[in-house]
């Protein structure tokens, strides 16, 4: 190698090192949280019934951790502290009480979600019927306007 090739090689290594350092710094310090304020129409259904409802999801979605923390309203039920991790569970906290509502599926781009409601108290409040754990769960999908849209959204998100 002559002197010119050595200089070019050193410059390439230096440039690559700088780009790597800038990338690491950007990943660590770049804001990864989005404010979520979803106030949408929703549809709930089970084999026995289906009905429309309103839902609100207000809080912060962390793209790096793929998790949401905030407030959720389902029908007339308000959950002031909820945590969700798409493909995992929606968990509500009321003081020291922890309540697992059910599995949730969320699309961060469209802010659409589908929730299986397994919590018997919430099920009874929303449907005004008793909860049977051996029956298929109540599904809530948003944003949708019809039963068919709700089923399609649930099928797409729960894959």
C-alpha atoms as a PDB file:
ATOM      1  CA  UNK A   1       0.000   0.000   0.000  1.00  0.00           C
ATOM      2  CA  UNK A   2       1.234   3.426  -0.792  1.00  0.00           C
ATOM      3  CA  UNK A   3       0.738   6.500   1.419  1.00  0.00           C
ATOM      4  CA  UNK A   4      -2.355   7.673  -0.445  1.00  0.00           C
ATOM      5  CA  UNK A   5      -4.165   4.343   0.047  1.00  0.00           C
ATOM      6  CA  UNK A   6      -3.344   4.402   3.769  1.00  0.00           C
ATOM      7  CA  UNK A   7      -4.793   7.924   4.110  1.00  0.00           C
ATOM      8  CA  UNK A   8      -7.980   6.951   2.236  1.00  0.00           C
ATOM      9  CA  UNK A   9      -8.383   3.796   4.350  1.00  0.00           C
ATOM     10  CA  UNK A  10      -7.934   5.776   7.592  1.00  0.00           C
ATOM     11  CA  UNK A  11     -10.511   8.351   6.436  1.00  0.00           C
ATOM     12  CA  UNK A  12     -13.016   5.588   5.607  1.00  0.00           C
ATOM     13  CA  UNK A  13     -12.514   3.938   9.001  1.00  0.00           C
ATOM     14  CA  UNK A  14     -12.853   7.313  10.760  1.00  0.00           C
ATOM     15  CA  UNK A  15     -16.035   8.152   8.792  1.00  0.00           C
ATOM     16  CA  UNK A  16     -17.571   4.757   9.540  1.00  0.00           C
ATOM     17  CA  UNK A  17     -16.719   5.119  13.239  1.00  0.00           C
ATOM     18  CA  UNK A  18     -18.304   8.581  13.397  1.00  0.00           C
ATOM     19  CA  UNK A  19     -21.469   7.324  11.680  1.00  0.00           C
ATOM     20  CA  UNK A  20     -21.681   4.412  14.109  1.00  0.00           C
ATOM     21  CA  UNK A  21     -21.297   6.698  17.136  1.00  0.00           C
ATOM     22  CA  UNK A  22     -23.902   9.156  15.803  1.00  0.00           C
ATOM     23  CA  UNK A  23     -26.300   6.258  15.166  1.00  0.00           C
ATOM     24  CA  UNK A  24     -25.891   4.921  18.695  1.00  0.00           C
ATOM     25  CA  UNK A  25     -26.390   8.389  20.195  1.00  0.00           C
ATOM     26  CA  UNK A  26     -29.489   8.971  18.049  1.00  0.00           C
ATOM     27  CA  UNK A  27     -30.975   5.622  19.093  1.00  0.00           C
ATOM     28  CA  UNK A  28     -30.399   6.253  22.786  1.00  0.00           C
ATOM     29  CA  UNK A  29     -31.449   9.903  22.953  1.00  0.00           C
ATOM     30  CA  UNK A  30     -33.936  10.336  20.080  1.00  0.00           C
ATOM     31  CA  UNK A  31     -37.487  10.706  21.367  1.00  0.00           C
ATOM     32  CA  UNK A  32     -39.269   7.389  21.014  1.00  0.00           C
ATOM     33  CA  UNK A  33     -42.571   8.273  22.609  1.00  0.00           C
ATOM     34  CA  UNK A  34     -45.721   9.386  20.805  1.00  0.00           C
ATOM     35  CA  UNK A  35     -48.668  11.087  22.425  1.00  0.00           C
ATOM     36  CA  UNK A  36     -51.808   9.074  21.751  1.00  0.00           C
ATOM     37  CA  UNK A  37     -55.254  10.670  21.852  1.00  0.00           C
ATOM     38  CA  UNK A  38     -57.666   8.263  20.202  1.00  0.00           C
ATOM     39  CA  UNK A  39     -61.368   8.959  20.575  1.00  0.00           C
ATOM     40  CA  UNK A  40     -63.044   6.555  18.204  1.00  0.00           C
ATOM     41  CA  UNK A  41     -66.173   4.589  17.612  1.00  0.00           C
ATOM     42  CA  UNK A  42     -65.800   0.953  18.528  1.00  0.00           C
ATOM     43  CA  UNK A  43     -67.747  -2.223  18.052  1.00  0.00           C
ATOM     44  CA  UNK A  44     -68.037  -5.026  20.580  1.00  0.00           C
ATOM     45  CA  UNK A  45     -69.168  -8.517  19.709  1.00  0.00           C
ATOM     46  CA  UNK A  46     -69.414 -12.059  20.936  1.00  0.00           C
ATOM     47  CA  UNK A  47     -71.355 -15.012  19.509  1.00  0.00           C
ATOM     48  CA  UNK A  48     -74.430 -13.918  21.499  1.00  0.00           C
ATOM     49  CA  UNK A  49     -74.469 -10.175  20.910  1.00  0.00           C
ATOM     50  CA  UNK A  50     -72.948  -7.178  19.159  1.00  0.00           C
ATOM     51  CA  UNK A  51     -73.202  -3.445  19.732  1.00  0.00           C
ATOM     52  CA  UNK A  52     -71.409  -0.196  18.998  1.00  0.00           C
ATOM     53  CA  UNK A  53     -69.705   1.898  21.649  1.00  0.00           C
ATOM     54  CA  UNK A  54     -67.269   4.751  22.106  1.00  0.00           C
ATOM     55  CA  UNK A  55     -63.728   4.260  23.280  1.00  0.00           C
ATOM     56  CA  UNK A  56     -60.905   6.606  24.256  1.00  0.00           C
ATOM     57  CA  UNK A  57     -57.224   5.871  24.617  1.00  0.00           C
ATOM     58  CA  UNK A  58     -55.161   8.805  25.893  1.00  0.00           C
ATOM     59  CA  UNK A  59     -51.522   8.554  26.942  1.00  0.00           C
ATOM     60  CA  UNK A  60     -48.039   7.804  25.685  1.00  0.00           C
ATOM     61  CA  UNK A  61     -46.908   5.039  23.347  1.00  0.00           C
ATOM     62  CA  UNK A  62     -43.226   4.085  23.634  1.00  0.00           C
ATOM     63  CA  UNK A  63     -42.066   2.832  20.225  1.00  0.00           C
ATOM     64  CA  UNK A  64     -38.874   1.281  21.580  1.00  0.00           C
ATOM     65  CA  UNK A  65     -40.631  -0.740  24.264  1.00  0.00           C
ATOM     66  CA  UNK A  66     -43.810  -1.226  22.194  1.00  0.00           C
ATOM     67  CA  UNK A  67     -45.933  -0.288  25.189  1.00  0.00           C
ATOM     68  CA  UNK A  68     -48.640   2.208  26.116  1.00  0.00           C
ATOM     69  CA  UNK A  69     -49.334   3.909  29.421  1.00  0.00           C
ATOM     70  CA  UNK A  70     -52.331   6.138  29.933  1.00  0.00           C
ATOM     71  CA  UNK A  71     -56.099   6.223  30.364  1.00  0.00           C
ATOM     72  CA  UNK A  72     -58.737   4.144  28.617  1.00  0.00           C
ATOM     73  CA  UNK A  73     -62.502   4.540  28.452  1.00  0.00           C
ATOM     74  CA  UNK A  74     -64.665   1.637  27.290  1.00  0.00           C
ATOM     75  CA  UNK A  75     -68.311   2.592  27.084  1.00  0.00           C
ATOM     76  CA  UNK A  76     -68.955   4.304  30.431  1.00  0.00           C
ATOM     77  CA  UNK A  77     -66.076   2.565  32.201  1.00  0.00           C
ATOM     78  CA  UNK A  78     -62.990   4.730  32.802  1.00  0.00           C
ATOM     79  CA  UNK A  79     -59.635   3.186  33.633  1.00  0.00           C
ATOM     80  CA  UNK A  80     -57.329   5.941  34.823  1.00  0.00           C
ATOM     81  CA  UNK A  81     -54.121   3.889  34.666  1.00  0.00           C
ATOM     82  CA  UNK A  82     -53.699   1.279  31.971  1.00  0.00           C
ATOM     83  CA  UNK A  83     -50.639  -0.425  30.565  1.00  0.00           C
ATOM     84  CA  UNK A  84     -50.683  -2.317  27.335  1.00  0.00           C
ATOM     85  CA  UNK A  85     -48.173  -4.177  25.320  1.00  0.00           C
ATOM     86  CA  UNK A  86     -49.492  -5.172  21.882  1.00  0.00           C
ATOM     87  CA  UNK A  87     -49.828  -8.909  21.462  1.00  0.00           C
ATOM     88  CA  UNK A  88     -49.800  -9.202  25.226  1.00  0.00           C
ATOM     89  CA  UNK A  89     -52.236  -7.879  27.843  1.00  0.00           C
ATOM     90  CA  UNK A  90     -54.167  -4.776  28.769  1.00  0.00           C
ATOM     91  CA  UNK A  91     -53.682  -4.253  32.496  1.00  0.00           C
ATOM     92  CA  UNK A  92     -55.553  -1.703  34.581  1.00  0.00           C
ATOM     93  CA  UNK A  93     -54.426  -0.345  37.938  1.00  0.00           C
ATOM     94  CA  UNK A  94     -56.773   1.220  40.463  1.00  0.00           C
ATOM     95  CA  UNK A  95     -54.563   2.131  43.402  1.00  0.00           C
ATOM     96  CA  UNK A  96     -52.863  -1.079  44.482  1.00  0.00           C
ATOM     97  CA  UNK A  97     -55.428  -3.242  42.648  1.00  0.00           C
ATOM     98  CA  UNK A  98     -54.271  -4.821  39.408  1.00  0.00           C
ATOM     99  CA  UNK A  99     -56.856  -5.991  36.888  1.00  0.00           C
ATOM    100  CA  UNK A 100     -56.048  -7.984  33.751  1.00  0.00           C
ATOM    101  CA  UNK A 101     -58.682  -6.973  31.196  1.00  0.00           C
ATOM    102  CA  UNK A 102     -57.468  -9.311  28.465  1.00  0.00           C
ATOM    103  CA  UNK A 103     -55.186  -9.733  25.440  1.00  0.00           C
ATOM    104  CA  UNK A 104     -54.842  -6.649  23.237  1.00  0.00           C
ATOM    105  CA  UNK A 105     -53.554  -6.177  19.705  1.00  0.00           C
ATOM    106  CA  UNK A 106     -52.480  -2.692  18.568  1.00  0.00           C
ATOM    107  CA  UNK A 107     -51.267  -1.154  15.317  1.00  0.00           C
ATOM    108  CA  UNK A 108     -49.126   1.879  16.132  1.00  0.00           C
ATOM    109  CA  UNK A 109     -49.376   3.333  12.618  1.00  0.00           C
ATOM    110  CA  UNK A 110     -53.177   3.411  12.335  1.00  0.00           C
ATOM    111  CA  UNK A 111     -53.760   3.455  16.118  1.00  0.00           C
ATOM    112  CA  UNK A 112     -56.311   0.681  15.648  1.00  0.00           C
ATOM    113  CA  UNK A 113     -56.720  -1.944  18.328  1.00  0.00           C
ATOM    114  CA  UNK A 114     -58.658  -5.056  19.240  1.00  0.00           C
ATOM    115  CA  UNK A 115     -59.186  -6.261  22.784  1.00  0.00           C
ATOM    116  CA  UNK A 116     -60.457  -9.580  24.133  1.00  0.00           C
ATOM    117  CA  UNK A 117     -62.358  -8.808  27.325  1.00  0.00           C
ATOM    118  CA  UNK A 118     -61.850 -11.570  29.891  1.00  0.00           C
ATOM    119  CA  UNK A 119     -62.458  -9.478  33.006  1.00  0.00           C
ATOM    120  CA  UNK A 120     -65.818 -10.695  34.339  1.00  0.00           C
ATOM    121  CA  UNK A 121     -66.804  -7.408  36.027  1.00  0.00           C
ATOM    122  CA  UNK A 122     -66.142  -5.354  32.900  1.00  0.00           C
ATOM    123  CA  UNK A 123     -67.881  -7.986  30.756  1.00  0.00           C
ATOM    124  CA  UNK A 124     -70.997  -7.754  32.920  1.00  0.00           C
ATOM    125  CA  UNK A 125     -70.963  -3.942  32.948  1.00  0.00           C
ATOM    126  CA  UNK A 126     -70.638  -3.732  29.167  1.00  0.00           C
ATOM    127  CA  UNK A 127     -73.057  -6.492  28.201  1.00  0.00           C
ATOM    128  CA  UNK A 128     -75.451  -6.594  31.161  1.00  0.00           C
ATOM    129  CA  UNK A 129     -75.167 -10.385  31.082  1.00  0.00           C
ATOM    130  CA  UNK A 130     -73.258 -12.855  33.236  1.00  0.00           C
ATOM    131  CA  UNK A 131     -69.749 -13.892  32.253  1.00  0.00           C
ATOM    132  CA  UNK A 132     -69.093 -17.486  31.237  1.00  0.00           C
ATOM    133  CA  UNK A 133     -65.332 -18.221  31.095  1.00  0.00           C
ATOM    134  CA  UNK A 134     -65.889 -21.187  28.772  1.00  0.00           C
ATOM    135  CA  UNK A 135     -67.633 -18.982  26.175  1.00  0.00           C
ATOM    136  CA  UNK A 136     -65.713 -17.058  23.524  1.00  0.00           C
ATOM    137  CA  UNK A 137     -64.596 -13.649  24.826  1.00  0.00           C
ATOM    138  CA  UNK A 138     -66.212 -10.320  24.129  1.00  0.00           C
ATOM    139  CA  UNK A 139     -64.150  -8.587  21.423  1.00  0.00           C
ATOM    140  CA  UNK A 140     -63.813  -4.813  21.214  1.00  0.00           C
ATOM    141  CA  UNK A 141     -62.368  -3.394  17.978  1.00  0.00           C
ATOM    142  CA  UNK A 142     -61.695   0.270  17.178  1.00  0.00           C
ATOM    143  CA  UNK A 143     -61.944   2.317  15.053  1.00  0.00           C
ATOM    144  CA  UNK A 144     -64.809   0.589  13.268  1.00  0.00           C
ATOM    145  CA  UNK A 145     -68.468   1.274  12.579  1.00  0.00           C
ATOM    146  CA  UNK A 146     -69.909  -2.175  11.833  1.00  0.00           C
ATOM    147  CA  UNK A 147     -69.738  -5.750  13.035  1.00  0.00           C
ATOM    148  CA  UNK A 148     -68.076  -6.871   9.798  1.00  0.00           C
ATOM    149  CA  UNK A 149     -65.366  -4.189  10.119  1.00  0.00           C
ATOM    150  CA  UNK A 150     -64.801  -5.242  13.747  1.00  0.00           C
ATOM    151  CA  UNK A 151     -64.319  -8.882  12.767  1.00  0.00           C
ATOM    152  CA  UNK A 152     -61.944  -7.950   9.942  1.00  0.00           C
ATOM    153  CA  UNK A 153     -59.873  -5.667  12.194  1.00  0.00           C
ATOM    154  CA  UNK A 154     -59.647  -8.299  14.905  1.00  0.00           C
ATOM    155  CA  UNK A 155     -58.595 -10.946  12.385  1.00  0.00           C
ATOM    156  CA  UNK A 156     -55.912  -8.644  10.922  1.00  0.00           C
ATOM    157  CA  UNK A 157     -54.452  -7.527  14.254  1.00  0.00           C
ATOM    158  CA  UNK A 158     -54.536 -10.857  16.066  1.00  0.00           C
ATOM    159  CA  UNK A 159     -52.477 -12.700  13.416  1.00  0.00           C
END
